[in-house]
Amino acid sequence: MELSRFVALFLLVTFLGHGIAFIALGLKRRKGYYLFLTGTFVFLTAIYLIKFEGWELSVPGTDFPATWLLRIGATLCTLAYLKTIAGEEGTWLWKLLRRKQR
C-alpha cells in the first residue's frame, strides 16, 4: 500500500472513531453541542472516503467538486459548535472569552 493511501485510510478510520466518540459523549453528558462535532467528522469522513476511493465527484449539473460542498458543511458544523459553546457557561471557550474580556 502506498503512503498516500495509508494516510487516507488512517484519517478515514480516525474520523469515524472521533464521530462515534462524540455521539457517545453527547448522549452520556446530554449536551447537544457534541452532535455538531459529530457532523463535522461525518463530513470529513465523506471527504476522505472520496479521496481514498479516488472518485472525482461533482455537484449534479455543475462542475463544482462535491468535496468542496462537504468542506463547507464541515466548516459550518464546526462554527455552530464554537458559537454554541461560546455561550455555554463553564466550557473551555466560554472561560477563554471571559478571561480575554477582563
N, C-alpha and C. Protein backbone atom coordinates (compact mmCIF):
# COMPACT_ATOMS: atom_id res chain seq x y z
N MET A 1 0.85 -1.17 0.00
CA MET A 1 0.00 0.00 0.00
C MET A 1 0.90 1.24 0.00
N GLU A 2 0.63 2.16 -0.90
CA GLU A 2 1.43 3.37 -0.97
C GLU A 2 1.09 4.30 0.20
N LEU A 3 2.00 5.19 0.52
CA LEU A 3 1.89 6.03 1.70
C LEU A 3 0.63 6.91 1.69
N SER A 4 0.31 7.50 0.55
CA SER A 4 -0.85 8.40 0.49
C SER A 4 -2.15 7.65 0.76
N ARG A 5 -2.27 6.42 0.27
CA ARG A 5 -3.47 5.63 0.55
C ARG A 5 -3.51 5.21 2.01
N PHE A 6 -2.35 4.92 2.59
CA PHE A 6 -2.29 4.57 4.01
C PHE A 6 -2.74 5.75 4.86
N VAL A 7 -2.26 6.94 4.54
CA VAL A 7 -2.63 8.14 5.28
C VAL A 7 -4.13 8.39 5.14
N ALA A 8 -4.67 8.26 3.94
CA ALA A 8 -6.11 8.46 3.73
C ALA A 8 -6.91 7.44 4.53
N LEU A 9 -6.49 6.19 4.54
CA LEU A 9 -7.19 5.16 5.32
C LEU A 9 -7.09 5.46 6.81
N PHE A 10 -5.92 5.87 7.27
CA PHE A 10 -5.74 6.22 8.68
C PHE A 10 -6.67 7.36 9.07
N LEU A 11 -6.74 8.40 8.24
CA LEU A 11 -7.62 9.53 8.53
C LEU A 11 -9.08 9.11 8.52
N LEU A 12 -9.45 8.26 7.58
CA LEU A 12 -10.82 7.77 7.50
C LEU A 12 -11.21 7.05 8.78
N VAL A 13 -10.36 6.15 9.24
CA VAL A 13 -10.65 5.40 10.46
C VAL A 13 -10.65 6.33 11.68
N THR A 14 -9.72 7.27 11.71
CA THR A 14 -9.65 8.22 12.82
C THR A 14 -10.90 9.09 12.88
N PHE A 15 -11.35 9.59 11.74
CA PHE A 15 -12.54 10.43 11.72
C PHE A 15 -13.78 9.64 12.13
N LEU A 16 -13.88 8.39 11.70
CA LEU A 16 -15.00 7.55 12.13
C LEU A 16 -14.98 7.37 13.65
N GLY A 17 -13.81 7.11 14.19
CA GLY A 17 -13.68 6.94 15.64
C GLY A 17 -14.07 8.19 16.41
N HIS A 18 -13.64 9.35 15.91
CA HIS A 18 -14.00 10.60 16.57
C HIS A 18 -15.51 10.86 16.49
N GLY A 19 -16.10 10.58 15.35
CA GLY A 19 -17.54 10.76 15.21
C GLY A 19 -18.31 9.91 16.20
N ILE A 20 -17.93 8.65 16.34
CA ILE A 20 -18.59 7.75 17.28
C ILE A 20 -18.36 8.22 18.71
N ALA A 21 -17.15 8.67 19.02
CA ALA A 21 -16.85 9.16 20.37
C ALA A 21 -17.69 10.38 20.73
N PHE A 22 -17.87 11.30 19.79
CA PHE A 22 -18.66 12.49 20.08
C PHE A 22 -20.14 12.18 20.20
N ILE A 23 -20.63 11.17 19.49
CA ILE A 23 -22.01 10.73 19.69
C ILE A 23 -22.16 10.20 21.11
N ALA A 24 -21.23 9.36 21.54
CA ALA A 24 -21.29 8.79 22.89
C ALA A 24 -21.21 9.89 23.95
N LEU A 25 -20.30 10.86 23.77
CA LEU A 25 -20.19 11.97 24.72
C LEU A 25 -21.48 12.78 24.79
N GLY A 26 -22.05 13.06 23.63
CA GLY A 26 -23.29 13.84 23.59
C GLY A 26 -24.43 13.14 24.30
N LEU A 27 -24.53 11.83 24.12
CA LEU A 27 -25.59 11.08 24.79
C LEU A 27 -25.33 10.95 26.29
N LYS A 28 -24.10 10.66 26.65
CA LYS A 28 -23.76 10.47 28.07
C LYS A 28 -23.90 11.76 28.86
N ARG A 29 -23.38 12.84 28.32
CA ARG A 29 -23.40 14.12 29.04
C ARG A 29 -24.66 14.93 28.77
N ARG A 30 -25.48 14.46 27.85
CA ARG A 30 -26.72 15.15 27.47
C ARG A 30 -26.46 16.59 27.02
N LYS A 31 -25.42 16.71 26.22
CA LYS A 31 -25.06 18.01 25.64
C LYS A 31 -25.18 17.91 24.13
N GLY A 32 -26.11 18.63 23.58
CA GLY A 32 -26.37 18.56 22.15
C GLY A 32 -25.27 19.12 21.27
N TYR A 33 -24.43 19.99 21.85
CA TYR A 33 -23.40 20.60 21.01
C TYR A 33 -22.36 19.61 20.55
N TYR A 34 -22.25 18.45 21.18
CA TYR A 34 -21.33 17.42 20.70
C TYR A 34 -21.78 16.87 19.33
N LEU A 35 -23.07 16.98 19.05
CA LEU A 35 -23.56 16.49 17.76
C LEU A 35 -23.06 17.35 16.60
N PHE A 36 -22.77 18.62 16.88
CA PHE A 36 -22.16 19.45 15.83
C PHE A 36 -20.78 18.90 15.46
N LEU A 37 -20.02 18.45 16.47
CA LEU A 37 -18.72 17.85 16.17
C LEU A 37 -18.88 16.53 15.44
N THR A 38 -19.92 15.78 15.79
CA THR A 38 -20.21 14.55 15.05
C THR A 38 -20.45 14.87 13.58
N GLY A 39 -21.22 15.93 13.32
CA GLY A 39 -21.47 16.36 11.95
C GLY A 39 -20.19 16.72 11.23
N THR A 40 -19.30 17.42 11.92
CA THR A 40 -18.00 17.77 11.34
C THR A 40 -17.27 16.51 10.90
N PHE A 41 -17.21 15.51 11.77
CA PHE A 41 -16.46 14.30 11.45
C PHE A 41 -17.18 13.43 10.42
N VAL A 42 -18.50 13.53 10.33
CA VAL A 42 -19.22 12.82 9.25
C VAL A 42 -18.80 13.41 7.90
N PHE A 43 -18.78 14.74 7.82
CA PHE A 43 -18.36 15.38 6.57
C PHE A 43 -16.91 15.06 6.24
N LEU A 44 -16.02 15.11 7.24
CA LEU A 44 -14.61 14.79 6.99
C LEU A 44 -14.43 13.34 6.56
N THR A 45 -15.20 12.44 7.15
CA THR A 45 -15.14 11.03 6.75
C THR A 45 -15.55 10.88 5.29
N ALA A 46 -16.62 11.57 4.89
CA ALA A 46 -17.07 11.50 3.50
C ALA A 46 -16.00 12.06 2.55
N ILE A 47 -15.37 13.16 2.94
CA ILE A 47 -14.32 13.75 2.10
C ILE A 47 -13.18 12.77 1.89
N TYR A 48 -12.72 12.17 2.98
CA TYR A 48 -11.58 11.26 2.86
C TYR A 48 -11.95 9.93 2.24
N LEU A 49 -13.20 9.51 2.35
CA LEU A 49 -13.64 8.32 1.64
C LEU A 49 -13.59 8.57 0.13
N ILE A 50 -14.05 9.74 -0.29
CA ILE A 50 -14.00 10.10 -1.70
C ILE A 50 -12.55 10.15 -2.18
N LYS A 51 -11.67 10.75 -1.38
CA LYS A 51 -10.25 10.81 -1.75
C LYS A 51 -9.63 9.42 -1.77
N PHE A 52 -9.95 8.60 -0.77
CA PHE A 52 -9.38 7.26 -0.65
C PHE A 52 -9.78 6.40 -1.84
N GLU A 53 -11.02 6.52 -2.27
CA GLU A 53 -11.50 5.74 -3.41
C GLU A 53 -11.06 6.33 -4.74
N GLY A 54 -10.59 7.58 -4.74
CA GLY A 54 -10.13 8.21 -5.97
C GLY A 54 -11.26 8.69 -6.86
N TRP A 55 -12.43 8.90 -6.27
CA TRP A 55 -13.57 9.37 -7.05
C TRP A 55 -13.44 10.86 -7.35
N GLU A 56 -13.94 11.27 -8.50
CA GLU A 56 -13.98 12.67 -8.89
C GLU A 56 -15.45 13.08 -8.98
N LEU A 57 -16.07 13.31 -7.84
CA LEU A 57 -17.49 13.64 -7.80
C LEU A 57 -17.71 15.14 -7.89
N SER A 58 -18.81 15.51 -8.54
CA SER A 58 -19.18 16.92 -8.59
C SER A 58 -20.67 17.04 -8.30
N VAL A 59 -21.07 18.24 -7.94
CA VAL A 59 -22.48 18.51 -7.68
C VAL A 59 -23.23 18.30 -8.99
N PRO A 60 -24.34 17.55 -8.97
CA PRO A 60 -25.07 17.27 -10.21
C PRO A 60 -25.41 18.53 -11.00
N GLY A 61 -25.13 18.49 -12.28
CA GLY A 61 -25.43 19.60 -13.18
C GLY A 61 -24.39 20.71 -13.18
N THR A 62 -23.32 20.53 -12.42
CA THR A 62 -22.28 21.56 -12.35
C THR A 62 -20.91 20.88 -12.40
N ASP A 63 -19.88 21.70 -12.46
CA ASP A 63 -18.51 21.19 -12.34
C ASP A 63 -17.95 21.44 -10.94
N PHE A 64 -18.81 21.87 -10.01
CA PHE A 64 -18.39 22.18 -8.65
C PHE A 64 -18.07 20.88 -7.90
N PRO A 65 -16.85 20.73 -7.39
CA PRO A 65 -16.46 19.48 -6.72
C PRO A 65 -17.30 19.22 -5.46
N ALA A 66 -17.78 18.01 -5.32
CA ALA A 66 -18.60 17.63 -4.17
C ALA A 66 -17.81 17.75 -2.87
N THR A 67 -16.51 17.53 -2.93
CA THR A 67 -15.71 17.63 -1.71
C THR A 67 -15.71 19.06 -1.15
N TRP A 68 -15.82 20.05 -2.02
CA TRP A 68 -15.89 21.43 -1.53
C TRP A 68 -17.20 21.68 -0.80
N LEU A 69 -18.27 21.10 -1.31
CA LEU A 69 -19.56 21.22 -0.63
C LEU A 69 -19.49 20.54 0.74
N LEU A 70 -18.82 19.40 0.81
CA LEU A 70 -18.66 18.70 2.08
C LEU A 70 -17.77 19.51 3.04
N ARG A 71 -16.75 20.16 2.51
CA ARG A 71 -15.89 21.01 3.35
C ARG A 71 -16.67 22.18 3.93
N ILE A 72 -17.55 22.74 3.12
CA ILE A 72 -18.40 23.83 3.62
C ILE A 72 -19.29 23.31 4.75
N GLY A 73 -19.85 22.12 4.57
CA GLY A 73 -20.67 21.51 5.63
C GLY A 73 -19.88 21.29 6.90
N ALA A 74 -18.66 20.78 6.78
CA ALA A 74 -17.81 20.55 7.96
C ALA A 74 -17.49 21.87 8.66
N THR A 75 -17.21 22.90 7.88
CA THR A 75 -16.90 24.21 8.46
C THR A 75 -18.10 24.78 9.19
N LEU A 76 -19.28 24.66 8.61
CA LEU A 76 -20.50 25.16 9.25
C LEU A 76 -20.79 24.42 10.55
N CYS A 77 -20.59 23.11 10.56
CA CYS A 77 -20.79 22.34 11.80
C CYS A 77 -19.82 22.79 12.88
N THR A 78 -18.57 23.01 12.50
CA THR A 78 -17.57 23.45 13.47
C THR A 78 -17.90 24.84 14.00
N LEU A 79 -18.30 25.74 13.12
CA LEU A 79 -18.66 27.09 13.55
C LEU A 79 -19.88 27.08 14.46
N ALA A 80 -20.86 26.23 14.15
CA ALA A 80 -22.05 26.11 15.01
C ALA A 80 -21.65 25.60 16.39
N TYR A 81 -20.74 24.63 16.44
CA TYR A 81 -20.24 24.12 17.72
C TYR A 81 -19.58 25.23 18.52
N LEU A 82 -18.69 25.99 17.87
CA LEU A 82 -17.97 27.05 18.57
C LEU A 82 -18.92 28.15 19.06
N LYS A 83 -19.90 28.50 18.25
CA LYS A 83 -20.87 29.51 18.66
C LYS A 83 -21.68 29.02 19.84
N THR A 84 -22.05 27.75 19.83
CA THR A 84 -22.85 27.19 20.92
C THR A 84 -22.06 27.15 22.22
N ILE A 85 -20.82 26.68 22.18
CA ILE A 85 -20.06 26.58 23.43
C ILE A 85 -19.56 27.93 23.92
N ALA A 86 -19.53 28.93 23.05
CA ALA A 86 -19.14 30.27 23.49
C ALA A 86 -20.17 30.82 24.47
N GLY A 87 -21.42 30.41 24.33
CA GLY A 87 -22.48 30.87 25.22
C GLY A 87 -22.82 29.90 26.33
N GLU A 88 -22.20 28.74 26.35
CA GLU A 88 -22.46 27.71 27.36
C GLU A 88 -21.51 27.90 28.54
N GLU A 89 -22.05 28.31 29.68
CA GLU A 89 -21.21 28.61 30.84
C GLU A 89 -20.40 27.39 31.28
N GLY A 90 -19.11 27.63 31.52
CA GLY A 90 -18.22 26.59 32.00
C GLY A 90 -17.43 25.86 30.94
N THR A 91 -17.73 26.08 29.65
CA THR A 91 -16.97 25.41 28.60
C THR A 91 -15.63 26.10 28.42
N TRP A 92 -14.71 25.42 27.77
CA TRP A 92 -13.36 25.97 27.60
C TRP A 92 -13.39 27.29 26.83
N LEU A 93 -14.25 27.41 25.82
CA LEU A 93 -14.29 28.64 25.02
C LEU A 93 -14.93 29.77 25.82
N TRP A 94 -15.95 29.45 26.58
CA TRP A 94 -16.61 30.45 27.43
C TRP A 94 -15.60 31.03 28.41
N LYS A 95 -14.81 30.14 29.06
CA LYS A 95 -13.80 30.60 30.02
C LYS A 95 -12.74 31.45 29.32
N LEU A 96 -12.32 31.03 28.14
CA LEU A 96 -11.30 31.77 27.41
C LEU A 96 -11.80 33.16 27.02
N LEU A 97 -13.03 33.26 26.56
CA LEU A 97 -13.58 34.55 26.17
C LEU A 97 -13.78 35.46 27.38
N ARG A 98 -14.18 34.91 28.51
CA ARG A 98 -14.36 35.71 29.72
C ARG A 98 -13.02 36.23 30.24
N ARG A 99 -11.99 35.38 30.17
CA ARG A 99 -10.66 35.78 30.61
C ARG A 99 -10.13 36.91 29.73
N LYS A 100 -10.44 36.84 28.43
CA LYS A 100 -9.98 37.87 27.50
C LYS A 100 -10.67 39.21 27.77
N GLN A 101 -11.92 39.17 28.22
CA GLN A 101 -12.67 40.40 28.46
C GLN A 101 -12.20 41.15 29.70
N ARG A 102 -11.52 40.46 30.61
CA ARG A 102 -11.07 41.10 31.86
C ARG A 102 -9.94 42.03 31.64
